[in-house]
Amino acid sequence: MYDDCVACGQYYEPEVGFYWGAMYVSYGFSTGIVFLTGVLLYYLANDPPVWVYITTVAAIVVLLTPLLFRYARVVMLYFFGGIRYDAGLLERLRE
């Protein structure tokens, strides 16, 4: 992740330790993934053995970890950092 926004120069770490809270957001994402995967396995795979649940959930969470990391930080910035996305900003800066 960049230190500053390439379009507007916004510094992405408003205070020291700001992203510690992103761990809780990431935990929430992971919990949702575990729940959704469990429900889907239960109904689509006719309640497989426990090792299938554990292996599938672990593989999905490990594969999605880079996305979870990034999006947890984005959620922290939007909800707690007061940063808003402006899609037209880059276009206006280029003019």
PDB file of N, CA and C in Angstrom:
ATOM      1  N   MET A   1       0.852  -1.172   0.000  1.00  0.00           N
ATOM      2  CA  MET A   1       0.000   0.000   0.000  1.00  0.00           C
ATOM      3  C   MET A   1       0.895   1.230   0.000  1.00  0.00           C
ATOM      4  N   TYR A   2       0.524   2.199  -0.808  1.00  0.00           N
ATOM      5  CA  TYR A   2       1.290   3.435  -0.875  1.00  0.00           C
ATOM      6  C   TYR A   2       1.186   4.200   0.442  1.00  0.00           C
ATOM      7  N   ASP A   3       2.190   5.029   0.722  1.00  0.00           N
ATOM      8  CA  ASP A   3       2.132   5.884   1.912  1.00  0.00           C
ATOM      9  C   ASP A   3       1.166   7.040   1.715  1.00  0.00           C
ATOM     10  N   ASP A   4       1.135   7.571   0.488  1.00  0.00           N
ATOM     11  CA  ASP A   4       0.276   8.707   0.156  1.00  0.00           C
ATOM     12  C   ASP A   4      -0.528   8.378  -1.101  1.00  0.00           C
ATOM     13  N   CYS A   5      -1.672   9.025  -1.258  1.00  0.00           N
ATOM     14  CA  CYS A   5      -2.486   8.879  -2.454  1.00  0.00           C
ATOM     15  C   CYS A   5      -1.764   9.535  -3.629  1.00  0.00           C
ATOM     16  N   VAL A   6      -1.695   8.838  -4.751  1.00  0.00           N
ATOM     17  CA  VAL A   6      -1.004   9.384  -5.913  1.00  0.00           C
ATOM     18  C   VAL A   6      -1.790  10.517  -6.556  1.00  0.00           C
ATOM     19  N   ALA A   7      -3.090  10.586  -6.336  1.00  0.00           N
ATOM     20  CA  ALA A   7      -3.917  11.626  -6.944  1.00  0.00           C
ATOM     21  C   ALA A   7      -3.998  12.888  -6.086  1.00  0.00           C
ATOM     22  N   CYS A   8      -4.296  12.722  -4.805  1.00  0.00           N
ATOM     23  CA  CYS A   8      -4.554  13.901  -3.972  1.00  0.00           C
ATOM     24  C   CYS A   8      -3.520  14.132  -2.878  1.00  0.00           C
ATOM     25  N   GLY A   9      -2.622  13.176  -2.649  1.00  0.00           N
ATOM     26  CA  GLY A   9      -1.594  13.345  -1.634  1.00  0.00           C
ATOM     27  C   GLY A   9      -2.034  13.028  -0.216  1.00  0.00           C
ATOM     28  N   GLN A  10      -3.219  12.463  -0.043  1.00  0.00           N
ATOM     29  CA  GLN A  10      -3.727  12.112   1.287  1.00  0.00           C
ATOM     30  C   GLN A  10      -2.809  11.093   1.944  1.00  0.00           C
ATOM     31  N   TYR A  11      -2.362  11.369   3.158  1.00  0.00           N
ATOM     32  CA  TYR A  11      -1.519  10.440   3.905  1.00  0.00           C
ATOM     33  C   TYR A  11      -2.421   9.353   4.474  1.00  0.00           C
ATOM     34  N   TYR A  12      -2.061   8.093   4.231  1.00  0.00           N
ATOM     35  CA  TYR A  12      -2.949   6.983   4.575  1.00  0.00           C
ATOM     36  C   TYR A  12      -2.888   6.523   6.024  1.00  0.00           C
ATOM     37  N   GLU A  13      -1.986   7.027   6.810  1.00  0.00           N
ATOM     38  CA  GLU A  13      -1.934   6.630   8.219  1.00  0.00           C
ATOM     39  C   GLU A  13      -2.138   7.874   9.078  1.00  0.00           C
ATOM     40  N   PRO A  14      -3.402   8.193   9.384  1.00  0.00           N
ATOM     41  CA  PRO A  14      -3.708   9.426  10.093  1.00  0.00           C
ATOM     42  C   PRO A  14      -3.066   9.537  11.476  1.00  0.00           C
ATOM     43  N   GLU A  15      -2.833   8.426  12.139  1.00  0.00           N
ATOM     44  CA  GLU A  15      -2.183   8.447  13.450  1.00  0.00           C
ATOM     45  C   GLU A  15      -1.440   7.133  13.653  1.00  0.00           C
ATOM     46  N   VAL A  16      -0.526   7.137  14.573  1.00  0.00           N
ATOM     47  CA  VAL A  16       0.260   5.940  14.849  1.00  0.00           C
ATOM     48  C   VAL A  16      -0.654   4.847  15.385  1.00  0.00           C
ATOM     49  N   GLY A  17      -0.536   3.649  14.843  1.00  0.00           N
ATOM     50  CA  GLY A  17      -1.356   2.533  15.292  1.00  0.00           C
ATOM     51  C   GLY A  17      -2.779   2.556  14.791  1.00  0.00           C
ATOM     52  N   PHE A  18      -3.060   3.397  13.781  1.00  0.00           N
ATOM     53  CA  PHE A  18      -4.428   3.530  13.277  1.00  0.00           C
ATOM     54  C   PHE A  18      -4.985   2.198  12.790  1.00  0.00           C
ATOM     55  N   TYR A  19      -4.146   1.381  12.175  1.00  0.00           N
ATOM     56  CA  TYR A  19      -4.633   0.146  11.569  1.00  0.00           C
ATOM     57  C   TYR A  19      -4.706  -1.035  12.514  1.00  0.00           C
ATOM     58  N   TRP A  20      -4.445  -0.830  13.781  1.00  0.00           N
ATOM     59  CA  TRP A  20      -4.657  -1.926  14.738  1.00  0.00           C
ATOM     60  C   TRP A  20      -6.125  -2.347  14.728  1.00  0.00           C
ATOM     61  N   GLY A  21      -6.995  -1.409  14.541  1.00  0.00           N
ATOM     62  CA  GLY A  21      -8.423  -1.716  14.486  1.00  0.00           C
ATOM     63  C   GLY A  21      -8.801  -2.527  13.258  1.00  0.00           C
ATOM     64  N   ALA A  22      -7.965  -2.483  12.215  1.00  0.00           N
ATOM     65  CA  ALA A  22      -8.249  -3.252  11.008  1.00  0.00           C
ATOM     66  C   ALA A  22      -8.190  -4.748  11.284  1.00  0.00           C
ATOM     67  N   MET A  23      -7.489  -5.129  12.351  1.00  0.00           N
ATOM     68  CA  MET A  23      -7.468  -6.548  12.722  1.00  0.00           C
ATOM     69  C   MET A  23      -8.867  -7.030  13.062  1.00  0.00           C
ATOM     70  N   TYR A  24      -9.642  -6.188  13.738  1.00  0.00           N
ATOM     71  CA  TYR A  24     -11.007  -6.567  14.112  1.00  0.00           C
ATOM     72  C   TYR A  24     -11.911  -6.617  12.884  1.00  0.00           C
ATOM     73  N   VAL A  25     -11.700  -5.693  11.957  1.00  0.00           N
ATOM     74  CA  VAL A  25     -12.470  -5.708  10.716  1.00  0.00           C
ATOM     75  C   VAL A  25     -12.136  -6.971   9.925  1.00  0.00           C
ATOM     76  N   SER A  26     -10.861  -7.305   9.830  1.00  0.00           N
ATOM     77  CA  SER A  26     -10.432  -8.514   9.133  1.00  0.00           C
ATOM     78  C   SER A  26     -10.994  -9.764   9.808  1.00  0.00           C
ATOM     79  N   TYR A  27     -11.033  -9.755  11.126  1.00  0.00           N
ATOM     80  CA  TYR A  27     -11.628 -10.870  11.867  1.00  0.00           C
ATOM     81  C   TYR A  27     -13.108 -11.022  11.509  1.00  0.00           C
ATOM     82  N   GLY A  28     -13.807  -9.910  11.392  1.00  0.00           N
ATOM     83  CA  GLY A  28     -15.210  -9.949  10.999  1.00  0.00           C
ATOM     84  C   GLY A  28     -15.386 -10.512   9.601  1.00  0.00           C
ATOM     85  N   PHE A  29     -14.524 -10.086   8.663  1.00  0.00           N
ATOM     86  CA  PHE A  29     -14.570 -10.646   7.312  1.00  0.00           C
ATOM     87  C   PHE A  29     -14.328 -12.152   7.343  1.00  0.00           C
ATOM     88  N   SER A  30     -13.305 -12.573   8.085  1.00  0.00           N
ATOM     89  CA  SER A  30     -12.968 -13.997   8.161  1.00  0.00           C
ATOM     90  C   SER A  30     -14.105 -14.805   8.774  1.00  0.00           C
ATOM     91  N   THR A  31     -14.734 -14.266   9.803  1.00  0.00           N
ATOM     92  CA  THR A  31     -15.865 -14.947  10.431  1.00  0.00           C
ATOM     93  C   THR A  31     -17.010 -15.122   9.445  1.00  0.00           C
ATOM     94  N   GLY A  32     -17.270 -14.096   8.660  1.00  0.00           N
ATOM     95  CA  GLY A  32     -18.310 -14.190   7.637  1.00  0.00           C
ATOM     96  C   GLY A  32     -17.982 -15.244   6.589  1.00  0.00           C
ATOM     97  N   ILE A  33     -16.715 -15.304   6.194  1.00  0.00           N
ATOM     98  CA  ILE A  33     -16.292 -16.297   5.211  1.00  0.00           C
ATOM     99  C   ILE A  33     -16.443 -17.708   5.782  1.00  0.00           C
ATOM    100  N   VAL A  34     -16.041 -17.893   7.022  1.00  0.00           N
ATOM    101  CA  VAL A  34     -16.163 -19.208   7.666  1.00  0.00           C
ATOM    102  C   VAL A  34     -17.631 -19.621   7.741  1.00  0.00           C
ATOM    103  N   PHE A  35     -18.492 -18.718   8.144  1.00  0.00           N
ATOM    104  CA  PHE A  35     -19.915 -19.017   8.258  1.00  0.00           C
ATOM    105  C   PHE A  35     -20.518 -19.351   6.894  1.00  0.00           C
ATOM    106  N   LEU A  36     -20.238 -18.513   5.897  1.00  0.00           N
ATOM    107  CA  LEU A  36     -20.785 -18.725   4.562  1.00  0.00           C
ATOM    108  C   LEU A  36     -20.276 -20.026   3.950  1.00  0.00           C
ATOM    109  N   THR A  37     -18.995 -20.299   4.111  1.00  0.00           N
ATOM    110  CA  THR A  37     -18.432 -21.549   3.588  1.00  0.00           C
ATOM    111  C   THR A  37     -19.052 -22.759   4.280  1.00  0.00           C
ATOM    112  N   GLY A  38     -19.230 -22.674   5.577  1.00  0.00           N
ATOM    113  CA  GLY A  38     -19.852 -23.774   6.310  1.00  0.00           C
ATOM    114  C   GLY A  38     -21.273 -24.039   5.861  1.00  0.00           C
ATOM    115  N   VAL A  39     -22.041 -22.997   5.682  1.00  0.00           N
ATOM    116  CA  VAL A  39     -23.432 -23.151   5.237  1.00  0.00           C
ATOM    117  C   VAL A  39     -23.478 -23.729   3.826  1.00  0.00           C
ATOM    118  N   LEU A  40     -22.620 -23.205   2.944  1.00  0.00           N
ATOM    119  CA  LEU A  40     -22.606 -23.724   1.573  1.00  0.00           C
ATOM    120  C   LEU A  40     -22.184 -25.193   1.517  1.00  0.00           C
ATOM    121  N   LEU A  41     -21.171 -25.551   2.290  1.00  0.00           N
ATOM    122  CA  LEU A  41     -20.765 -26.955   2.324  1.00  0.00           C
ATOM    123  C   LEU A  41     -21.872 -27.846   2.876  1.00  0.00           C
ATOM    124  N   TYR A  42     -22.544 -27.375   3.893  1.00  0.00           N
ATOM    125  CA  TYR A  42     -23.605 -28.167   4.505  1.00  0.00           C
ATOM    126  C   TYR A  42     -24.717 -28.476   3.496  1.00  0.00           C
ATOM    127  N   TYR A  43     -25.130 -27.449   2.749  1.00  0.00           N
ATOM    128  CA  TYR A  43     -26.250 -27.646   1.837  1.00  0.00           C
ATOM    129  C   TYR A  43     -25.835 -28.189   0.470  1.00  0.00           C
ATOM    130  N   LEU A  44     -24.676 -27.784  -0.042  1.00  0.00           N
ATOM    131  CA  LEU A  44     -24.283 -28.215  -1.386  1.00  0.00           C
ATOM    132  C   LEU A  44     -23.512 -29.530  -1.395  1.00  0.00           C
ATOM    133  N   ALA A  45     -22.807 -29.845  -0.304  1.00  0.00           N
ATOM    134  CA  ALA A  45     -22.027 -31.086  -0.249  1.00  0.00           C
ATOM    135  C   ALA A  45     -22.655 -32.107   0.693  1.00  0.00           C
ATOM    136  N   ASN A  46     -23.882 -31.859   1.114  1.00  0.00           N
ATOM    137  CA  ASN A  46     -24.629 -32.793   1.977  1.00  0.00           C
ATOM    138  C   ASN A  46     -23.898 -33.131   3.273  1.00  0.00           C
ATOM    139  N   ASP A  47     -23.494 -32.112   3.981  1.00  0.00           N
ATOM    140  CA  ASP A  47     -22.841 -32.237   5.290  1.00  0.00           C
ATOM    141  C   ASP A  47     -21.657 -33.214   5.267  1.00  0.00           C
ATOM    142  N   PRO A  48     -20.542 -32.789   4.644  1.00  0.00           N
ATOM    143  CA  PRO A  48     -19.367 -33.674   4.560  1.00  0.00           C
ATOM    144  C   PRO A  48     -18.699 -33.857   5.922  1.00  0.00           C
ATOM    145  N   PRO A  49     -17.683 -34.708   5.995  1.00  0.00           N
ATOM    146  CA  PRO A  49     -16.955 -34.896   7.261  1.00  0.00           C
ATOM    147  C   PRO A  49     -16.279 -33.600   7.724  1.00  0.00           C
ATOM    148  N   VAL A  50     -15.939 -33.566   8.998  1.00  0.00           N
ATOM    149  CA  VAL A  50     -15.363 -32.355   9.599  1.00  0.00           C
ATOM    150  C   VAL A  50     -14.060 -31.942   8.912  1.00  0.00           C
ATOM    151  N   TRP A  51     -13.234 -32.904   8.498  1.00  0.00           N
ATOM    152  CA  TRP A  51     -11.965 -32.546   7.865  1.00  0.00           C
ATOM    153  C   TRP A  51     -12.177 -31.768   6.572  1.00  0.00           C
ATOM    154  N   VAL A  52     -13.289 -32.007   5.883  1.00  0.00           N
ATOM    155  CA  VAL A  52     -13.590 -31.258   4.658  1.00  0.00           C
ATOM    156  C   VAL A  52     -13.905 -29.807   5.005  1.00  0.00           C
ATOM    157  N   TYR A  53     -14.667 -29.596   6.065  1.00  0.00           N
ATOM    158  CA  TYR A  53     -14.958 -28.240   6.522  1.00  0.00           C
ATOM    159  C   TYR A  53     -13.659 -27.500   6.854  1.00  0.00           C
ATOM    160  N   ILE A  54     -12.832 -28.129   7.660  1.00  0.00           N
ATOM    161  CA  ILE A  54     -11.597 -27.477   8.122  1.00  0.00           C
ATOM    162  C   ILE A  54     -10.667 -27.172   6.949  1.00  0.00           C
ATOM    163  N   THR A  55     -10.480 -28.119   6.059  1.00  0.00           N
ATOM    164  CA  THR A  55      -9.584 -27.928   4.920  1.00  0.00           C
ATOM    165  C   THR A  55     -10.104 -26.843   3.984  1.00  0.00           C
ATOM    166  N   THR A  56     -11.385 -26.872   3.684  1.00  0.00           N
ATOM    167  CA  THR A  56     -11.971 -25.900   2.766  1.00  0.00           C
ATOM    168  C   THR A  56     -11.922 -24.491   3.334  1.00  0.00           C
ATOM    169  N   VAL A  57     -12.307 -24.346   4.578  1.00  0.00           N
ATOM    170  CA  VAL A  57     -12.299 -23.030   5.216  1.00  0.00           C
ATOM    171  C   VAL A  57     -10.875 -22.489   5.311  1.00  0.00           C
ATOM    172  N   ALA A  58      -9.937 -23.331   5.714  1.00  0.00           N
ATOM    173  CA  ALA A  58      -8.546 -22.890   5.828  1.00  0.00           C
ATOM    174  C   ALA A  58      -8.000 -22.456   4.474  1.00  0.00           C
ATOM    175  N   ALA A  59      -8.278 -23.224   3.434  1.00  0.00           N
ATOM    176  CA  ALA A  59      -7.775 -22.885   2.099  1.00  0.00           C
ATOM    177  C   ALA A  59      -8.374 -21.571   1.605  1.00  0.00           C
ATOM    178  N   ILE A  60      -9.662 -21.381   1.798  1.00  0.00           N
ATOM    179  CA  ILE A  60     -10.314 -20.153   1.327  1.00  0.00           C
ATOM    180  C   ILE A  60      -9.793 -18.939   2.082  1.00  0.00           C
ATOM    181  N   VAL A  61      -9.678 -19.053   3.396  1.00  0.00           N
ATOM    182  CA  VAL A  61      -9.202 -17.907   4.184  1.00  0.00           C
ATOM    183  C   VAL A  61      -7.749 -17.579   3.830  1.00  0.00           C
ATOM    184  N   VAL A  62      -6.912 -18.589   3.640  1.00  0.00           N
ATOM    185  CA  VAL A  62      -5.511 -18.330   3.277  1.00  0.00           C
ATOM    186  C   VAL A  62      -5.427 -17.680   1.899  1.00  0.00           C
ATOM    187  N   LEU A  63      -6.218 -18.158   0.951  1.00  0.00           N
ATOM    188  CA  LEU A  63      -6.202 -17.569  -0.388  1.00  0.00           C
ATOM    189  C   LEU A  63      -6.724 -16.135  -0.407  1.00  0.00           C
ATOM    190  N   LEU A  64      -7.675 -15.822   0.455  1.00  0.00           N
ATOM    191  CA  LEU A  64      -8.265 -14.483   0.473  1.00  0.00           C
ATOM    192  C   LEU A  64      -7.563 -13.520   1.425  1.00  0.00           C
ATOM    193  N   THR A  65      -6.533 -13.979   2.122  1.00  0.00           N
ATOM    194  CA  THR A  65      -5.854 -13.123   3.098  1.00  0.00           C
ATOM    195  C   THR A  65      -5.350 -11.803   2.507  1.00  0.00           C
ATOM    196  N   PRO A  66      -4.729 -11.782   1.322  1.00  0.00           N
ATOM    197  CA  PRO A  66      -4.300 -10.485   0.777  1.00  0.00           C
ATOM    198  C   PRO A  66      -5.461  -9.520   0.561  1.00  0.00           C
ATOM    199  N   LEU A  67      -6.587 -10.031   0.087  1.00  0.00           N
ATOM    200  CA  LEU A  67      -7.751  -9.160  -0.095  1.00  0.00           C
ATOM    201  C   LEU A  67      -8.324  -8.705   1.239  1.00  0.00           C
ATOM    202  N   LEU A  68      -8.383  -9.611   2.202  1.00  0.00           N
ATOM    203  CA  LEU A  68      -8.900  -9.248   3.521  1.00  0.00           C
ATOM    204  C   LEU A  68      -8.046  -8.164   4.159  1.00  0.00           C
ATOM    205  N   PHE A  69      -6.738  -8.296   4.028  1.00  0.00           N
ATOM    206  CA  PHE A  69      -5.813  -7.303   4.584  1.00  0.00           C
ATOM    207  C   PHE A  69      -6.077  -5.936   3.982  1.00  0.00           C
ATOM    208  N   ARG A  70      -6.146  -5.871   2.668  1.00  0.00           N
ATOM    209  CA  ARG A  70      -6.332  -4.588   1.990  1.00  0.00           C
ATOM    210  C   ARG A  70      -7.700  -3.982   2.296  1.00  0.00           C
ATOM    211  N   TYR A  71      -8.749  -4.784   2.199  1.00  0.00           N
ATOM    212  CA  TYR A  71     -10.087  -4.240   2.392  1.00  0.00           C
ATOM    213  C   TYR A  71     -10.380  -3.900   3.856  1.00  0.00           C
ATOM    214  N   ALA A  72      -9.742  -4.568   4.781  1.00  0.00           N
ATOM    215  CA  ALA A  72      -9.896  -4.185   6.192  1.00  0.00           C
ATOM    216  C   ALA A  72      -9.314  -2.793   6.409  1.00  0.00           C
ATOM    217  N   ARG A  73      -8.179  -2.507   5.785  1.00  0.00           N
ATOM    218  CA  ARG A  73      -7.579  -1.171   5.892  1.00  0.00           C
ATOM    219  C   ARG A  73      -8.453  -0.115   5.223  1.00  0.00           C
ATOM    220  N   VAL A  74      -9.039  -0.465   4.076  1.00  0.00           N
ATOM    221  CA  VAL A  74      -9.916   0.473   3.372  1.00  0.00           C
ATOM    222  C   VAL A  74     -11.138   0.797   4.223  1.00  0.00           C
ATOM    223  N   VAL A  75     -11.729  -0.222   4.842  1.00  0.00           N
ATOM    224  CA  VAL A  75     -12.887   0.003   5.707  1.00  0.00           C
ATOM    225  C   VAL A  75     -12.507   0.908   6.879  1.00  0.00           C
ATOM    226  N   MET A  76     -11.327   0.688   7.455  1.00  0.00           N
ATOM    227  CA  MET A  76     -10.872   1.562   8.547  1.00  0.00           C
ATOM    228  C   MET A  76     -10.750   3.005   8.081  1.00  0.00           C
ATOM    229  N   LEU A  77     -10.178   3.216   6.898  1.00  0.00           N
ATOM    230  CA  LEU A  77     -10.038   4.577   6.378  1.00  0.00           C
ATOM    231  C   LEU A  77     -11.391   5.236   6.141  1.00  0.00           C
ATOM    232  N   TYR A  78     -12.320   4.505   5.541  1.00  0.00           N
ATOM    233  CA  TYR A  78     -13.615   5.091   5.217  1.00  0.00           C
ATOM    234  C   TYR A  78     -14.458   5.376   6.454  1.00  0.00           C
ATOM    235  N   PHE A  79     -14.526   4.411   7.366  1.00  0.00           N
ATOM    236  CA  PHE A  79     -15.432   4.580   8.501  1.00  0.00           C
ATOM    237  C   PHE A  79     -14.833   5.347   9.668  1.00  0.00           C
ATOM    238  N   PHE A  80     -13.523   5.244   9.865  1.00  0.00           N
ATOM    239  CA  PHE A  80     -12.930   5.862  11.041  1.00  0.00           C
ATOM    240  C   PHE A  80     -11.905   6.936  10.718  1.00  0.00           C
ATOM    241  N   GLY A  81     -11.489   7.028   9.470  1.00  0.00           N
ATOM    242  CA  GLY A  81     -10.485   8.012   9.089  1.00  0.00           C
ATOM    243  C   GLY A  81     -11.066   9.241   8.426  1.00  0.00           C
ATOM    244  N   GLY A  82     -12.346   9.211   8.093  1.00  0.00           N
ATOM    245  CA  GLY A  82     -12.996  10.360   7.478  1.00  0.00           C
ATOM    246  C   GLY A  82     -12.583  10.594   6.040  1.00  0.00           C
ATOM    247  N   ILE A  83     -12.122   9.578   5.346  1.00  0.00           N
ATOM    248  CA  ILE A  83     -11.680   9.723   3.964  1.00  0.00           C
ATOM    249  C   ILE A  83     -12.800   9.266   3.044  1.00  0.00           C
ATOM    250  N   ARG A  84     -13.045  10.039   1.993  1.00  0.00           N
ATOM    251  CA  ARG A  84     -14.080   9.702   1.022  1.00  0.00           C
ATOM    252  C   ARG A  84     -13.460   9.578  -0.353  1.00  0.00           C
ATOM    253  N   TYR A  85     -13.963   8.642  -1.142  1.00  0.00           N
ATOM    254  CA  TYR A  85     -13.459   8.410  -2.487  1.00  0.00           C
ATOM    255  C   TYR A  85     -14.133   9.362  -3.453  1.00  0.00           C
ATOM    256  N   ASP A  86     -13.338  10.010  -4.287  1.00  0.00           N
ATOM    257  CA  ASP A  86     -13.849  10.909  -5.315  1.00  0.00           C
ATOM    258  C   ASP A  86     -13.340  10.403  -6.657  1.00  0.00           C
ATOM    259  N   ALA A  87     -14.213   9.749  -7.416  1.00  0.00           N
ATOM    260  CA  ALA A  87     -13.806   9.114  -8.668  1.00  0.00           C
ATOM    261  C   ALA A  87     -13.333  10.126  -9.700  1.00  0.00           C
ATOM    262  N   GLY A  88     -13.851  11.321  -9.667  1.00  0.00           N
ATOM    263  CA  GLY A  88     -13.483  12.317 -10.663  1.00  0.00           C
ATOM    264  C   GLY A  88     -12.247  13.129 -10.308  1.00  0.00           C
ATOM    265  N   LEU A  89     -11.657  12.915  -9.149  1.00  0.00           N
ATOM    266  CA  LEU A  89     -10.514  13.734  -8.719  1.00  0.00           C
ATOM    267  C   LEU A  89      -9.309  13.568  -9.635  1.00  0.00           C
ATOM    268  N   LEU A  90      -8.990  12.368  -9.995  1.00  0.00           N
ATOM    269  CA  LEU A  90      -7.839  12.124 -10.851  1.00  0.00           C
ATOM    270  C   LEU A  90      -8.045  12.763 -12.226  1.00  0.00           C
ATOM    271  N   GLU A  91      -9.265  12.690 -12.732  1.00  0.00           N
ATOM    272  CA  GLU A  91      -9.567  13.313 -14.014  1.00  0.00           C
ATOM    273  C   GLU A  91      -9.390  14.828 -13.934  1.00  0.00           C
ATOM    274  N   ARG A  92      -9.872  15.436 -12.852  1.00  0.00           N
ATOM    275  CA  ARG A  92      -9.751  16.896 -12.695  1.00  0.00           C
ATOM    276  C   ARG A  92      -8.303  17.320 -12.503  1.00  0.00           C
ATOM    277  N   LEU A  93      -7.508  16.495 -11.853  1.00  0.00           N
ATOM    278  CA  LEU A  93      -6.093  16.833 -11.649  1.00  0.00           C
ATOM    279  C   LEU A  93      -5.290  16.743 -12.944  1.00  0.00           C
ATOM    280  N   ARG A  94      -5.704  15.880 -13.839  1.00  0.00           N
ATOM    281  CA  ARG A  94      -5.002  15.744 -15.124  1.00  0.00           C
ATOM    282  C   ARG A  94      -5.253  16.903 -16.053  1.00  0.00           C
ATOM    283  N   GLU A  95      -6.357  17.605 -15.874  1.00  0.00           N
ATOM    284  CA  GLU A  95      -6.726  18.714 -16.778  1.00  0.00           C
ATOM    285  C   GLU A  95      -5.864  19.922 -16.559  1.00  0.00           C
TER     286      GLU A  95
END
